[in-house]
Amino acid sequence: AAHAVGKSFLMGVSPLQFKHIDSGNNWYRRGEQNLE
Protein backbone atom coordinates (compact mmCIF):
# COMPACT_ATOMS: atom_id res chain seq x y z
CA ALA A 1 0.00 0.00 0.00
CA ALA A 2 2.83 2.41 0.86
CA HIS A 3 4.72 1.70 -2.35
CA ALA A 4 1.53 2.01 -4.43
CA VAL A 5 1.26 5.67 -3.40
CA GLY A 6 4.98 6.43 -3.60
CA LYS A 7 5.67 6.18 0.14
CA SER A 8 8.34 4.28 2.08
CA PHE A 9 7.63 1.37 4.43
CA LEU A 10 9.23 0.91 7.86
CA MET A 11 9.17 -2.62 9.34
CA GLY A 12 9.36 -3.09 13.10
CA VAL A 13 11.68 -5.66 14.70
CA SER A 14 11.61 -6.66 18.38
CA PRO A 15 12.32 -9.82 20.38
CA LEU A 16 9.44 -9.66 22.88
CA GLN A 17 6.99 -7.32 24.57
CA PHE A 18 5.81 -7.36 28.16
CA LYS A 19 4.07 -5.28 30.76
CA HIS A 20 4.30 -5.86 34.51
CA ILE A 21 2.64 -3.29 36.75
CA ASP A 22 0.58 -5.29 39.26
CA SER A 23 -1.36 -8.53 39.44
CA GLY A 24 -4.21 -7.13 37.33
CA ASN A 25 -2.24 -5.36 34.60
CA ASN A 26 0.32 -7.78 33.20
CA TRP A 27 0.83 -9.32 29.76
CA TYR A 28 3.53 -10.89 27.68
CA ARG A 29 3.84 -11.30 23.93
CA ARG A 30 6.28 -14.08 23.27
CA GLY A 31 9.47 -13.61 21.39
CA GLU A 32 11.87 -16.40 22.30
CA GLN A 33 12.52 -17.10 18.62
CA ASN A 34 11.09 -13.91 17.20
CA LEU A 35 14.21 -11.81 16.69
CA GLU A 36 16.07 -14.39 14.63
ModelCIF file with pLDDT and N, C-alpha, C, O atoms, coordinates in Angstrom:
data_MODEL
#
_entry.id   MODEL 
#
_entity.id                         1 
_entity.type                       polymer 
_entity.pdbx_number_of_molecules   1 
#
_entity_poly.entity_id                      1 
_entity_poly.type                           'polypeptide(L)' 
_entity_poly.nstd_linkage                   no 
_entity_poly.nstd_monomer                   no 
_entity_poly.pdbx_seq_one_letter_code       AAHAVGKSFLMGVSPLQFKHIDSGNNWYRRGEQNLE 
_entity_poly.pdbx_seq_one_letter_code_can   AAHAVGKSFLMGVSPLQFKHIDSGNNWYRRGEQNLE 
_entity_poly.pdbx_strand_id                 A 
#
loop_
_entity_poly_seq.entity_id 
_entity_poly_seq.num 
_entity_poly_seq.mon_id 
_entity_poly_seq.hetero 
1 1  ALA n 
1 2  ALA n 
1 3  HIS n 
1 4  ALA n 
1 5  VAL n 
1 6  GLY n 
1 7  LYS n 
1 8  SER n 
1 9  PHE n 
1 10 LEU n 
1 11 MET n 
1 12 GLY n 
1 13 VAL n 
1 14 SER n 
1 15 PRO n 
1 16 LEU n 
1 17 GLN n 
1 18 PHE n 
1 19 LYS n 
1 20 HIS n 
1 21 ILE n 
1 22 ASP n 
1 23 SER n 
1 24 GLY n 
1 25 ASN n 
1 26 ASN n 
1 27 TRP n 
1 28 TYR n 
1 29 ARG n 
1 30 ARG n 
1 31 GLY n 
1 32 GLU n 
1 33 GLN n 
1 34 ASN n 
1 35 LEU n 
1 36 GLU n 
#
_struct_asym.id          A 
_struct_asym.entity_id   1 
#
loop_
_ma_qa_metric.id 
_ma_qa_metric.mode 
_ma_qa_metric.name 
_ma_qa_metric.software_group_id 
_ma_qa_metric.type 
1 global pLDDT . pLDDT 
2 local  pLDDT . pLDDT 
#
_ma_qa_metric_global.metric_id      1 
_ma_qa_metric_global.metric_value   81.61 
_ma_qa_metric_global.model_id       1 
_ma_qa_metric_global.ordinal_id     1 
#
loop_
_ma_qa_metric_local.label_asym_id 
_ma_qa_metric_local.label_comp_id 
_ma_qa_metric_local.label_seq_id 
_ma_qa_metric_local.metric_id 
_ma_qa_metric_local.metric_value 
_ma_qa_metric_local.model_id 
_ma_qa_metric_local.ordinal_id 
A ALA 1  2 97.00 1 1  
A ALA 2  2 97.00 1 2  
A HIS 3  2 98.00 1 3  
A ALA 4  2 98.00 1 4  
A VAL 5  2 98.00 1 5  
A GLY 6  2 98.00 1 6  
A LYS 7  2 97.00 1 7  
A SER 8  2 97.00 1 8  
A PHE 9  2 97.00 1 9  
A LEU 10 2 96.00 1 10 
A MET 11 2 94.00 1 11 
A GLY 12 2 90.00 1 12 
A VAL 13 2 88.00 1 13 
A SER 14 2 83.00 1 14 
A PRO 15 2 78.00 1 15 
A LEU 16 2 75.00 1 16 
A GLN 17 2 74.00 1 17 
A PHE 18 2 74.00 1 18 
A LYS 19 2 74.00 1 19 
A HIS 20 2 73.00 1 20 
A ILE 21 2 72.00 1 21 
A ASP 22 2 71.00 1 22 
A SER 23 2 69.00 1 23 
A GLY 24 2 72.00 1 24 
A ASN 25 2 72.00 1 25 
A ASN 26 2 74.00 1 26 
A TRP 27 2 71.00 1 27 
A TYR 28 2 72.00 1 28 
A ARG 29 2 73.00 1 29 
A ARG 30 2 69.00 1 30 
A GLY 31 2 68.00 1 31 
A GLU 32 2 67.00 1 32 
A GLN 33 2 72.00 1 33 
A ASN 34 2 78.00 1 34 
A LEU 35 2 80.00 1 35 
A GLU 36 2 82.00 1 36 
#
loop_
_atom_site.group_PDB 
_atom_site.id 
_atom_site.type_symbol 
_atom_site.label_atom_id 
_atom_site.label_alt_id 
_atom_site.label_comp_id 
_atom_site.label_asym_id 
_atom_site.label_entity_id 
_atom_site.label_seq_id 
_atom_site.pdbx_PDB_ins_code 
_atom_site.Cartn_x 
_atom_site.Cartn_y 
_atom_site.Cartn_z 
_atom_site.occupancy 
_atom_site.B_iso_or_equiv 
_atom_site.pdbx_formal_charge 
_atom_site.auth_seq_id 
_atom_site.auth_comp_id 
_atom_site.auth_asym_id 
_atom_site.auth_atom_id 
_atom_site.pdbx_PDB_model_num 
ATOM 1   N N  . ALA A 1 1  ? 0.830  -1.210  0.000  1.00 97.00 ? 1  ALA A N  1 
ATOM 2   C CA . ALA A 1 1  ? 0.000  0.000   0.000  1.00 97.00 ? 1  ALA A CA 1 
ATOM 3   C C  . ALA A 1 1  ? 0.863  1.259   0.000  1.00 97.00 ? 1  ALA A C  1 
ATOM 4   O O  . ALA A 1 1  ? 0.570  2.219   -0.714 1.00 97.00 ? 1  ALA A O  1 
ATOM 5   N N  . ALA A 1 2  ? 1.930  1.252   0.805  1.00 97.00 ? 2  ALA A N  1 
ATOM 6   C CA . ALA A 1 2  ? 2.830  2.410   0.858  1.00 97.00 ? 2  ALA A CA 1 
ATOM 7   C C  . ALA A 1 2  ? 3.509  2.629   -0.491 1.00 97.00 ? 2  ALA A C  1 
ATOM 8   O O  . ALA A 1 2  ? 3.550  3.752   -0.992 1.00 97.00 ? 2  ALA A O  1 
ATOM 9   N N  . HIS A 1 3  ? 4.033  1.577   -1.067 1.00 98.00 ? 3  HIS A N  1 
ATOM 10  C CA . HIS A 1 3  ? 4.723  1.699   -2.353 1.00 98.00 ? 3  HIS A CA 1 
ATOM 11  C C  . HIS A 1 3  ? 3.771  2.101   -3.479 1.00 98.00 ? 3  HIS A C  1 
ATOM 12  O O  . HIS A 1 3  ? 4.174  2.790   -4.417 1.00 98.00 ? 3  HIS A O  1 
ATOM 13  N N  . ALA A 1 4  ? 2.511  1.673   -3.389 1.00 98.00 ? 4  ALA A N  1 
ATOM 14  C CA . ALA A 1 4  ? 1.527  2.010   -4.430 1.00 98.00 ? 4  ALA A CA 1 
ATOM 15  C C  . ALA A 1 4  ? 1.259  3.509   -4.506 1.00 98.00 ? 4  ALA A C  1 
ATOM 16  O O  . ALA A 1 4  ? 0.854  4.016   -5.552 1.00 98.00 ? 4  ALA A O  1 
ATOM 17  N N  . VAL A 1 5  ? 1.482  4.217   -3.403 1.00 98.00 ? 5  VAL A N  1 
ATOM 18  C CA . VAL A 1 5  ? 1.261  5.674   -3.402 1.00 98.00 ? 5  VAL A CA 1 
ATOM 19  C C  . VAL A 1 5  ? 2.574  6.441   -3.274 1.00 98.00 ? 5  VAL A C  1 
ATOM 20  O O  . VAL A 1 5  ? 2.581  7.615   -2.905 1.00 98.00 ? 5  VAL A O  1 
ATOM 21  N N  . GLY A 1 6  ? 3.687  5.768   -3.580 1.00 98.00 ? 6  GLY A N  1 
ATOM 22  C CA . GLY A 1 6  ? 4.980  6.426   -3.596 1.00 98.00 ? 6  GLY A CA 1 
ATOM 23  C C  . GLY A 1 6  ? 5.579  6.718   -2.234 1.00 98.00 ? 6  GLY A C  1 
ATOM 24  O O  . GLY A 1 6  ? 6.421  7.606   -2.105 1.00 98.00 ? 6  GLY A O  1 
ATOM 25  N N  . LYS A 1 7  ? 5.157  5.984   -1.219 1.00 97.00 ? 7  LYS A N  1 
ATOM 26  C CA . LYS A 1 7  ? 5.674  6.182   0.138  1.00 97.00 ? 7  LYS A CA 1 
ATOM 27  C C  . LYS A 1 7  ? 6.637  5.059   0.506  1.00 97.00 ? 7  LYS A C  1 
ATOM 28  O O  . LYS A 1 7  ? 6.672  4.016   -0.148 1.00 97.00 ? 7  LYS A O  1 
ATOM 29  N N  . SER A 1 8  ? 7.416  5.285   1.560  1.00 97.00 ? 8  SER A N  1 
ATOM 30  C CA . SER A 1 8  ? 8.337  4.277   2.081  1.00 97.00 ? 8  SER A CA 1 
ATOM 31  C C  . SER A 1 8  ? 7.635  3.445   3.150  1.00 97.00 ? 8  SER A C  1 
ATOM 32  O O  . SER A 1 8  ? 6.632  3.867   3.726  1.00 97.00 ? 8  SER A O  1 
ATOM 33  N N  . PHE A 1 9  ? 8.177  2.260   3.403  1.00 97.00 ? 9  PHE A N  1 
ATOM 34  C CA . PHE A 1 9  ? 7.635  1.369   4.434  1.00 97.00 ? 9  PHE A CA 1 
ATOM 35  C C  . PHE A 1 9  ? 8.710  1.092   5.471  1.00 97.00 ? 9  PHE A C  1 
ATOM 36  O O  . PHE A 1 9  ? 9.853  0.789   5.130  1.00 97.00 ? 9  PHE A O  1 
ATOM 37  N N  . LEU A 1 10 ? 8.335  1.199   6.736  1.00 96.00 ? 10 LEU A N  1 
ATOM 38  C CA . LEU A 1 10 ? 9.225  0.910   7.859  1.00 96.00 ? 10 LEU A CA 1 
ATOM 39  C C  . LEU A 1 10 ? 8.703  -0.333  8.566  1.00 96.00 ? 10 LEU A C  1 
ATOM 40  O O  . LEU A 1 10 ? 7.539  -0.372  8.967  1.00 96.00 ? 10 LEU A O  1 
ATOM 41  N N  . MET A 1 11 ? 9.544  -1.343  8.723  1.00 94.00 ? 11 MET A N  1 
ATOM 42  C CA . MET A 1 11 ? 9.166  -2.616  9.341  1.00 94.00 ? 11 MET A CA 1 
ATOM 43  C C  . MET A 1 11 ? 9.752  -2.683  10.747 1.00 94.00 ? 11 MET A C  1 
ATOM 44  O O  . MET A 1 11 ? 10.946 -2.456  10.940 1.00 94.00 ? 11 MET A O  1 
ATOM 45  N N  . GLY A 1 12 ? 8.912  -2.996  11.720 1.00 90.00 ? 12 GLY A N  1 
ATOM 46  C CA . GLY A 1 12 ? 9.356  -3.090  13.104 1.00 90.00 ? 12 GLY A CA 1 
ATOM 47  C C  . GLY A 1 12 ? 9.951  -4.442  13.424 1.00 90.00 ? 12 GLY A C  1 
ATOM 48  O O  . GLY A 1 12 ? 9.486  -5.470  12.931 1.00 90.00 ? 12 GLY A O  1 
ATOM 49  N N  . VAL A 1 13 ? 11.003 -4.437  14.271 1.00 88.00 ? 13 VAL A N  1 
ATOM 50  C CA . VAL A 1 13 ? 11.679 -5.660  14.703 1.00 88.00 ? 13 VAL A CA 1 
ATOM 51  C C  . VAL A 1 13 ? 11.865 -5.584  16.212 1.00 88.00 ? 13 VAL A C  1 
ATOM 52  O O  . VAL A 1 13 ? 12.368 -4.585  16.727 1.00 88.00 ? 13 VAL A O  1 
ATOM 53  N N  . SER A 1 14 ? 11.463 -6.634  16.926 1.00 83.00 ? 14 SER A N  1 
ATOM 54  C CA . SER A 1 14 ? 11.611 -6.663  18.380 1.00 83.00 ? 14 SER A CA 1 
ATOM 55  C C  . SER A 1 14 ? 11.565 -8.106  18.859 1.00 83.00 ? 14 SER A C  1 
ATOM 56  O O  . SER A 1 14 ? 10.856 -8.923  18.271 1.00 83.00 ? 14 SER A O  1 
ATOM 57  N N  . PRO A 1 15 ? 12.311 -8.443  19.921 1.00 78.00 ? 15 PRO A N  1 
ATOM 58  C CA . PRO A 1 15 ? 12.322 -9.824  20.385 1.00 78.00 ? 15 PRO A CA 1 
ATOM 59  C C  . PRO A 1 15 ? 11.098 -10.210 21.209 1.00 78.00 ? 15 PRO A C  1 
ATOM 60  O O  . PRO A 1 15 ? 10.623 -11.339 21.083 1.00 78.00 ? 15 PRO A O  1 
ATOM 61  N N  . LEU A 1 16 ? 10.574 -9.332  22.038 1.00 75.00 ? 16 LEU A N  1 
ATOM 62  C CA . LEU A 1 16 ? 9.437  -9.655  22.881 1.00 75.00 ? 16 LEU A CA 1 
ATOM 63  C C  . LEU A 1 16 ? 8.812  -8.367  23.368 1.00 75.00 ? 16 LEU A C  1 
ATOM 64  O O  . LEU A 1 16 ? 9.374  -7.288  23.180 1.00 75.00 ? 16 LEU A O  1 
ATOM 65  N N  . GLN A 1 17 ? 7.647  -8.476  23.996 1.00 74.00 ? 17 GLN A N  1 
ATOM 66  C CA . GLN A 1 17 ? 6.989  -7.315  24.571 1.00 74.00 ? 17 GLN A CA 1 
ATOM 67  C C  . GLN A 1 17 ? 6.314  -7.771  25.862 1.00 74.00 ? 17 GLN A C  1 
ATOM 68  O O  . GLN A 1 17 ? 5.640  -8.801  25.889 1.00 74.00 ? 17 GLN A O  1 
ATOM 69  N N  . PHE A 1 18 ? 6.498  -7.004  26.922 1.00 74.00 ? 18 PHE A N  1 
ATOM 70  C CA . PHE A 1 18 ? 5.815  -7.355  28.161 1.00 74.00 ? 18 PHE A CA 1 
ATOM 71  C C  . PHE A 1 18 ? 5.434  -6.119  28.944 1.00 74.00 ? 18 PHE A C  1 
ATOM 72  O O  . PHE A 1 18 ? 5.973  -5.030  28.745 1.00 74.00 ? 18 PHE A O  1 
ATOM 73  N N  . LYS A 1 19 ? 4.481  -6.329  29.845 1.00 74.00 ? 19 LYS A N  1 
ATOM 74  C CA . LYS A 1 19 ? 4.066  -5.282  30.765 1.00 74.00 ? 19 LYS A CA 1 
ATOM 75  C C  . LYS A 1 19 ? 3.868  -5.926  32.121 1.00 74.00 ? 19 LYS A C  1 
ATOM 76  O O  . LYS A 1 19 ? 3.186  -6.945  32.233 1.00 74.00 ? 19 LYS A O  1 
ATOM 77  N N  . HIS A 1 20 ? 4.458  -5.341  33.153 1.00 73.00 ? 20 HIS A N  1 
ATOM 78  C CA . HIS A 1 20 ? 4.299  -5.858  34.513 1.00 73.00 ? 20 HIS A CA 1 
ATOM 79  C C  . HIS A 1 20 ? 4.149  -4.678  35.458 1.00 73.00 ? 20 HIS A C  1 
ATOM 80  O O  . HIS A 1 20 ? 5.135  -4.048  35.840 1.00 73.00 ? 20 HIS A O  1 
ATOM 81  N N  . ILE A 1 21 ? 2.923  -4.384  35.828 1.00 72.00 ? 21 ILE A N  1 
ATOM 82  C CA . ILE A 1 21 ? 2.639  -3.294  36.752 1.00 72.00 ? 21 ILE A CA 1 
ATOM 83  C C  . ILE A 1 21 ? 2.178  -3.860  38.085 1.00 72.00 ? 21 ILE A C  1 
ATOM 84  O O  . ILE A 1 21 ? 2.767  -3.569  39.126 1.00 72.00 ? 21 ILE A O  1 
ATOM 85  N N  . ASP A 1 22 ? 1.125  -4.666  38.054 1.00 71.00 ? 22 ASP A N  1 
ATOM 86  C CA . ASP A 1 22 ? 0.584  -5.293  39.260 1.00 71.00 ? 22 ASP A CA 1 
ATOM 87  C C  . ASP A 1 22 ? -0.132 -6.569  38.835 1.00 71.00 ? 22 ASP A C  1 
ATOM 88  O O  . ASP A 1 22 ? -0.099 -6.936  37.661 1.00 71.00 ? 22 ASP A O  1 
ATOM 89  N N  . SER A 1 23 ? -0.766 -7.235  39.763 1.00 69.00 ? 23 SER A N  1 
ATOM 90  C CA . SER A 1 23 ? -1.364 -8.529  39.438 1.00 69.00 ? 23 SER A CA 1 
ATOM 91  C C  . SER A 1 23 ? -2.520 -8.432  38.448 1.00 69.00 ? 23 SER A C  1 
ATOM 92  O O  . SER A 1 23 ? -2.894 -9.442  37.852 1.00 69.00 ? 23 SER A O  1 
ATOM 93  N N  . GLY A 1 24 ? -3.093 -7.251  38.256 1.00 72.00 ? 24 GLY A N  1 
ATOM 94  C CA . GLY A 1 24 ? -4.206 -7.127  37.332 1.00 72.00 ? 24 GLY A CA 1 
ATOM 95  C C  . GLY A 1 24 ? -3.864 -6.466  36.013 1.00 72.00 ? 24 GLY A C  1 
ATOM 96  O O  . GLY A 1 24 ? -4.743 -6.286  35.170 1.00 72.00 ? 24 GLY A O  1 
ATOM 97  N N  . ASN A 1 25 ? -2.602 -6.100  35.813 1.00 72.00 ? 25 ASN A N  1 
ATOM 98  C CA . ASN A 1 25 ? -2.243 -5.360  34.605 1.00 72.00 ? 25 ASN A CA 1 
ATOM 99  C C  . ASN A 1 25 ? -0.926 -5.869  34.038 1.00 72.00 ? 25 ASN A C  1 
ATOM 100 O O  . ASN A 1 25 ? 0.035  -5.113  33.895 1.00 72.00 ? 25 ASN A O  1 
ATOM 101 N N  . ASN A 1 26 ? -0.893 -7.153  33.718 1.00 74.00 ? 26 ASN A N  1 
ATOM 102 C CA . ASN A 1 26 ? 0.324  -7.782  33.205 1.00 74.00 ? 26 ASN A CA 1 
ATOM 103 C C  . ASN A 1 26 ? 0.014  -8.516  31.903 1.00 74.00 ? 26 ASN A C  1 
ATOM 104 O O  . ASN A 1 26 ? -1.067 -9.088  31.760 1.00 74.00 ? 26 ASN A O  1 
ATOM 105 N N  . TRP A 1 27 ? 0.944  -8.507  30.961 1.00 71.00 ? 27 TRP A N  1 
ATOM 106 C CA . TRP A 1 27 ? 0.827  -9.319  29.764 1.00 71.00 ? 27 TRP A CA 1 
ATOM 107 C C  . TRP A 1 27 ? 2.207  -9.531  29.161 1.00 71.00 ? 27 TRP A C  1 
ATOM 108 O O  . TRP A 1 27 ? 3.171  -8.832  29.474 1.00 71.00 ? 27 TRP A O  1 
ATOM 109 N N  . TYR A 1 28 ? 2.257  -10.507 28.298 1.00 72.00 ? 28 TYR A N  1 
ATOM 110 C CA . TYR A 1 28 ? 3.534  -10.893 27.684 1.00 72.00 ? 28 TYR A CA 1 
ATOM 111 C C  . TYR A 1 28 ? 3.251  -11.385 26.279 1.00 72.00 ? 28 TYR A C  1 
ATOM 112 O O  . TYR A 1 28 ? 2.418  -12.269 26.080 1.00 72.00 ? 28 TYR A O  1 
ATOM 113 N N  . ARG A 1 29 ? 3.938  -10.820 25.313 1.00 73.00 ? 29 ARG A N  1 
ATOM 114 C CA . ARG A 1 29 ? 3.843  -11.296 23.934 1.00 73.00 ? 29 ARG A CA 1 
ATOM 115 C C  . ARG A 1 29 ? 5.165  -11.964 23.611 1.00 73.00 ? 29 ARG A C  1 
ATOM 116 O O  . ARG A 1 29 ? 6.216  -11.324 23.591 1.00 73.00 ? 29 ARG A O  1 
ATOM 117 N N  . ARG A 1 30 ? 5.095  -13.237 23.362 1.00 69.00 ? 30 ARG A N  1 
ATOM 118 C CA . ARG A 1 30 ? 6.283  -14.077 23.273 1.00 69.00 ? 30 ARG A CA 1 
ATOM 119 C C  . ARG A 1 30 ? 7.238  -13.623 22.184 1.00 69.00 ? 30 ARG A C  1 
ATOM 120 O O  . ARG A 1 30 ? 6.852  -12.973 21.212 1.00 69.00 ? 30 ARG A O  1 
ATOM 121 N N  . GLY A 1 31 ? 8.489  -13.983 22.377 1.00 68.00 ? 31 GLY A N  1 
ATOM 122 C CA . GLY A 1 31 ? 9.475  -13.615 21.387 1.00 68.00 ? 31 GLY A CA 1 
ATOM 123 C C  . GLY A 1 31 ? 10.747 -14.416 21.505 1.00 68.00 ? 31 GLY A C  1 
ATOM 124 O O  . GLY A 1 31 ? 11.806 -13.970 21.064 1.00 68.00 ? 31 GLY A O  1 
ATOM 125 N N  . GLU A 1 32 ? 10.660 -15.604 22.100 1.00 67.00 ? 32 GLU A N  1 
ATOM 126 C CA . GLU A 1 32 ? 11.869 -16.402 22.301 1.00 67.00 ? 32 GLU A CA 1 
ATOM 127 C C  . GLU A 1 32 ? 12.617 -16.647 21.002 1.00 67.00 ? 32 GLU A C  1 
ATOM 128 O O  . GLU A 1 32 ? 13.848 -16.642 20.985 1.00 67.00 ? 32 GLU A O  1 
ATOM 129 N N  . GLN A 1 33 ? 11.893 -16.860 19.924 1.00 72.00 ? 33 GLN A N  1 
ATOM 130 C CA . GLN A 1 33 ? 12.520 -17.098 18.620 1.00 72.00 ? 33 GLN A CA 1 
ATOM 131 C C  . GLN A 1 33 ? 12.318 -15.927 17.669 1.00 72.00 ? 33 GLN A C  1 
ATOM 132 O O  . GLN A 1 33 ? 12.841 -15.929 16.555 1.00 72.00 ? 33 GLN A O  1 
ATOM 133 N N  . ASN A 1 34 ? 11.576 -14.949 18.099 1.00 78.00 ? 34 ASN A N  1 
ATOM 134 C CA . ASN A 1 34 ? 11.090 -13.915 17.195 1.00 78.00 ? 34 ASN A CA 1 
ATOM 135 C C  . ASN A 1 34 ? 12.195 -13.115 16.518 1.00 78.00 ? 34 ASN A C  1 
ATOM 136 O O  . ASN A 1 34 ? 12.128 -12.880 15.311 1.00 78.00 ? 34 ASN A O  1 
ATOM 137 N N  . LEU A 1 35 ? 13.201 -12.695 17.259 1.00 80.00 ? 35 LEU A N  1 
ATOM 138 C CA . LEU A 1 35 ? 14.212 -11.811 16.695 1.00 80.00 ? 35 LEU A CA 1 
ATOM 139 C C  . LEU A 1 35 ? 14.945 -12.457 15.520 1.00 80.00 ? 35 LEU A C  1 
ATOM 140 O O  . LEU A 1 35 ? 15.127 -11.832 14.475 1.00 80.00 ? 35 LEU A O  1 
ATOM 141 N N  . GLU A 1 36 ? 15.351 -13.672 15.691 1.00 82.00 ? 36 GLU A N  1 
ATOM 142 C CA . GLU A 1 36 ? 16.072 -14.389 14.628 1.00 82.00 ? 36 GLU A CA 1 
ATOM 143 C C  . GLU A 1 36 ? 15.225 -14.487 13.357 1.00 82.00 ? 36 GLU A C  1 
ATOM 144 O O  . GLU A 1 36 ? 15.670 -15.056 12.361 1.00 82.00 ? 36 GLU A O  1 
#
